[in-house]
Amino acid sequence: MTQKLIDLRQRVETWPKEAQDEALESLQAIEEDFVSDAELARDLTRAEKEMRHGAGTPQEEVFERFGT
């Protein structure tokens, strides 16, 4: 990561929430254009966060839905 990006990332933490949300959307769009597995990476990150917080779909329900 370049120093400019590191510096900007630190400053973003001080921005208003709306500006942070917009920055996030922009970065996600760039990621989709330049990283082939961006969607998979986001899904895995989201699933990991849900799992740590006890959220998400219970394993039994997934098995039931897909007949396994």
N, C-alpha and C. Protein backbone atom coordinates (compact mmCIF):
# COMPACT_ATOMS: atom_id res chain seq x y z
N MET A 1 0.85 -1.16 0.00
CA MET A 1 0.00 0.00 0.00
C MET A 1 0.91 1.24 0.00
N THR A 2 0.54 2.19 -0.81
CA THR A 2 1.35 3.40 -0.88
C THR A 2 1.13 4.26 0.35
N GLN A 3 2.09 5.10 0.66
CA GLN A 3 1.98 5.97 1.82
C GLN A 3 0.81 6.94 1.67
N LYS A 4 0.56 7.39 0.45
CA LYS A 4 -0.56 8.30 0.23
C LYS A 4 -1.89 7.62 0.58
N LEU A 5 -2.01 6.36 0.22
CA LEU A 5 -3.24 5.63 0.52
C LEU A 5 -3.36 5.39 2.02
N ILE A 6 -2.27 5.07 2.67
CA ILE A 6 -2.28 4.88 4.12
C ILE A 6 -2.70 6.16 4.82
N ASP A 7 -2.13 7.28 4.40
CA ASP A 7 -2.48 8.58 4.99
C ASP A 7 -3.95 8.91 4.78
N LEU A 8 -4.44 8.68 3.57
CA LEU A 8 -5.85 8.96 3.28
C LEU A 8 -6.76 8.07 4.11
N ARG A 9 -6.42 6.80 4.22
CA ARG A 9 -7.23 5.88 5.00
C ARG A 9 -7.35 6.37 6.45
N GLN A 10 -6.29 6.90 6.99
CA GLN A 10 -6.33 7.42 8.36
C GLN A 10 -7.22 8.66 8.45
N ARG A 11 -7.17 9.53 7.44
CA ARG A 11 -8.00 10.73 7.45
C ARG A 11 -9.47 10.40 7.28
N VAL A 12 -9.77 9.35 6.53
CA VAL A 12 -11.16 8.96 6.29
C VAL A 12 -11.87 8.69 7.61
N GLU A 13 -11.15 8.20 8.59
CA GLU A 13 -11.75 7.91 9.89
C GLU A 13 -12.33 9.15 10.55
N THR A 14 -11.88 10.33 10.15
CA THR A 14 -12.38 11.59 10.73
C THR A 14 -13.51 12.21 9.92
N TRP A 15 -13.81 11.64 8.76
CA TRP A 15 -14.85 12.18 7.89
C TRP A 15 -16.23 11.91 8.48
N PRO A 16 -17.24 12.70 8.05
CA PRO A 16 -18.62 12.41 8.44
C PRO A 16 -19.04 11.04 7.88
N LYS A 17 -20.00 10.40 8.54
CA LYS A 17 -20.44 9.07 8.15
C LYS A 17 -20.88 9.02 6.68
N GLU A 18 -21.59 10.04 6.22
CA GLU A 18 -22.06 10.04 4.83
C GLU A 18 -20.88 10.01 3.86
N ALA A 19 -19.83 10.76 4.16
CA ALA A 19 -18.64 10.77 3.30
C ALA A 19 -17.94 9.42 3.35
N GLN A 20 -17.90 8.80 4.53
CA GLN A 20 -17.28 7.48 4.64
C GLN A 20 -18.08 6.45 3.83
N ASP A 21 -19.41 6.54 3.90
CA ASP A 21 -20.26 5.62 3.13
C ASP A 21 -20.02 5.78 1.64
N GLU A 22 -19.92 7.01 1.19
CA GLU A 22 -19.67 7.26 -0.23
C GLU A 22 -18.30 6.74 -0.65
N ALA A 23 -17.31 6.95 0.21
CA ALA A 23 -15.96 6.44 -0.09
C ALA A 23 -15.98 4.92 -0.18
N LEU A 24 -16.71 4.28 0.73
CA LEU A 24 -16.81 2.82 0.72
C LEU A 24 -17.44 2.33 -0.58
N GLU A 25 -18.53 2.96 -0.99
CA GLU A 25 -19.19 2.57 -2.24
C GLU A 25 -18.25 2.73 -3.43
N SER A 26 -17.49 3.80 -3.45
CA SER A 26 -16.55 4.03 -4.54
C SER A 26 -15.46 2.97 -4.57
N LEU A 27 -14.92 2.66 -3.40
CA LEU A 27 -13.87 1.65 -3.34
C LEU A 27 -14.39 0.27 -3.71
N GLN A 28 -15.62 -0.04 -3.32
CA GLN A 28 -16.20 -1.32 -3.70
C GLN A 28 -16.39 -1.42 -5.21
N ALA A 29 -16.80 -0.33 -5.85
CA ALA A 29 -16.95 -0.32 -7.30
C ALA A 29 -15.60 -0.52 -7.99
N ILE A 30 -14.57 0.13 -7.48
CA ILE A 30 -13.23 -0.04 -8.04
C ILE A 30 -12.78 -1.48 -7.86
N GLU A 31 -13.03 -2.04 -6.69
CA GLU A 31 -12.64 -3.42 -6.42
C GLU A 31 -13.30 -4.37 -7.41
N GLU A 32 -14.58 -4.16 -7.68
CA GLU A 32 -15.30 -5.01 -8.63
C GLU A 32 -14.68 -4.94 -10.02
N ASP A 33 -14.17 -3.78 -10.40
CA ASP A 33 -13.56 -3.62 -11.71
C ASP A 33 -12.18 -4.24 -11.81
N PHE A 34 -11.44 -4.25 -10.72
CA PHE A 34 -10.04 -4.65 -10.79
C PHE A 34 -9.70 -5.96 -10.10
N VAL A 35 -10.59 -6.47 -9.27
CA VAL A 35 -10.32 -7.72 -8.56
C VAL A 35 -11.39 -8.73 -8.97
N SER A 36 -10.97 -9.81 -9.59
CA SER A 36 -11.92 -10.76 -10.17
C SER A 36 -12.81 -11.43 -9.12
N ASP A 37 -12.30 -11.67 -7.95
CA ASP A 37 -13.09 -12.34 -6.92
C ASP A 37 -13.57 -11.39 -5.84
N ALA A 38 -13.80 -10.14 -6.20
CA ALA A 38 -14.18 -9.12 -5.22
C ALA A 38 -15.49 -9.48 -4.52
N GLU A 39 -16.47 -9.94 -5.28
CA GLU A 39 -17.76 -10.27 -4.68
C GLU A 39 -17.62 -11.44 -3.71
N LEU A 40 -16.86 -12.44 -4.10
CA LEU A 40 -16.63 -13.58 -3.21
C LEU A 40 -15.92 -13.13 -1.94
N ALA A 41 -14.93 -12.28 -2.08
CA ALA A 41 -14.20 -11.79 -0.91
C ALA A 41 -15.14 -11.03 0.03
N ARG A 42 -16.02 -10.19 -0.51
CA ARG A 42 -16.97 -9.45 0.32
C ARG A 42 -17.94 -10.39 1.02
N ASP A 43 -18.41 -11.41 0.28
CA ASP A 43 -19.33 -12.37 0.88
C ASP A 43 -18.68 -13.12 2.03
N LEU A 44 -17.43 -13.53 1.83
CA LEU A 44 -16.73 -14.25 2.88
C LEU A 44 -16.49 -13.36 4.10
N THR A 45 -16.13 -12.11 3.86
CA THR A 45 -15.91 -11.17 4.96
C THR A 45 -17.20 -10.94 5.72
N ARG A 46 -18.30 -10.74 4.99
CA ARG A 46 -19.60 -10.54 5.63
C ARG A 46 -20.01 -11.77 6.44
N ALA A 47 -19.82 -12.95 5.87
CA ALA A 47 -20.18 -14.18 6.57
C ALA A 47 -19.36 -14.35 7.84
N GLU A 48 -18.09 -14.02 7.77
CA GLU A 48 -17.23 -14.13 8.95
C GLU A 48 -17.70 -13.18 10.05
N LYS A 49 -18.03 -11.95 9.69
CA LYS A 49 -18.52 -10.98 10.67
C LYS A 49 -19.84 -11.47 11.29
N GLU A 50 -20.74 -11.98 10.45
CA GLU A 50 -22.01 -12.48 10.96
C GLU A 50 -21.79 -13.63 11.94
N MET A 51 -20.88 -14.52 11.58
CA MET A 51 -20.60 -15.68 12.41
C MET A 51 -20.06 -15.23 13.78
N ARG A 52 -19.14 -14.25 13.78
CA ARG A 52 -18.57 -13.77 15.03
C ARG A 52 -19.61 -13.11 15.92
N HIS A 53 -20.64 -12.52 15.30
CA HIS A 53 -21.67 -11.83 16.07
C HIS A 53 -22.91 -12.70 16.29
N GLY A 54 -22.83 -13.96 15.92
CA GLY A 54 -23.96 -14.86 16.14
C GLY A 54 -25.12 -14.59 15.21
N ALA A 55 -24.86 -13.90 14.11
CA ALA A 55 -25.92 -13.60 13.15
C ALA A 55 -25.82 -14.57 11.97
N GLY A 56 -26.65 -14.34 10.99
CA GLY A 56 -26.61 -15.19 9.80
C GLY A 56 -27.65 -16.29 9.89
N THR A 57 -27.59 -17.19 8.94
CA THR A 57 -28.55 -18.29 8.86
C THR A 57 -27.98 -19.50 9.58
N PRO A 58 -28.74 -20.10 10.49
CA PRO A 58 -28.25 -21.29 11.18
C PRO A 58 -27.97 -22.42 10.19
N GLN A 59 -26.97 -23.21 10.49
CA GLN A 59 -26.56 -24.31 9.62
C GLN A 59 -27.73 -25.25 9.33
N GLU A 60 -28.54 -25.55 10.32
CA GLU A 60 -29.66 -26.46 10.14
C GLU A 60 -30.63 -25.92 9.09
N GLU A 61 -30.85 -24.61 9.09
CA GLU A 61 -31.77 -24.01 8.13
C GLU A 61 -31.21 -24.10 6.72
N VAL A 62 -29.91 -23.91 6.59
CA VAL A 62 -29.27 -24.03 5.28
C VAL A 62 -29.43 -25.45 4.76
N PHE A 63 -29.17 -26.45 5.62
CA PHE A 63 -29.32 -27.84 5.22
C PHE A 63 -30.76 -28.14 4.80
N GLU A 64 -31.70 -27.60 5.57
CA GLU A 64 -33.12 -27.83 5.28
C GLU A 64 -33.50 -27.23 3.93
N ARG A 65 -33.04 -26.01 3.67
CA ARG A 65 -33.38 -25.34 2.41
C ARG A 65 -32.85 -26.09 1.20
N PHE A 66 -31.64 -26.66 1.34
CA PHE A 66 -31.00 -27.29 0.19
C PHE A 66 -31.09 -28.80 0.22
N GLY A 67 -31.85 -29.33 1.15
CA GLY A 67 -32.11 -30.76 1.19
C GLY A 67 -30.91 -31.63 1.46
N THR A 68 -30.01 -31.15 2.29
CA THR A 68 -28.84 -31.97 2.61
C THR A 68 -28.90 -32.45 4.04
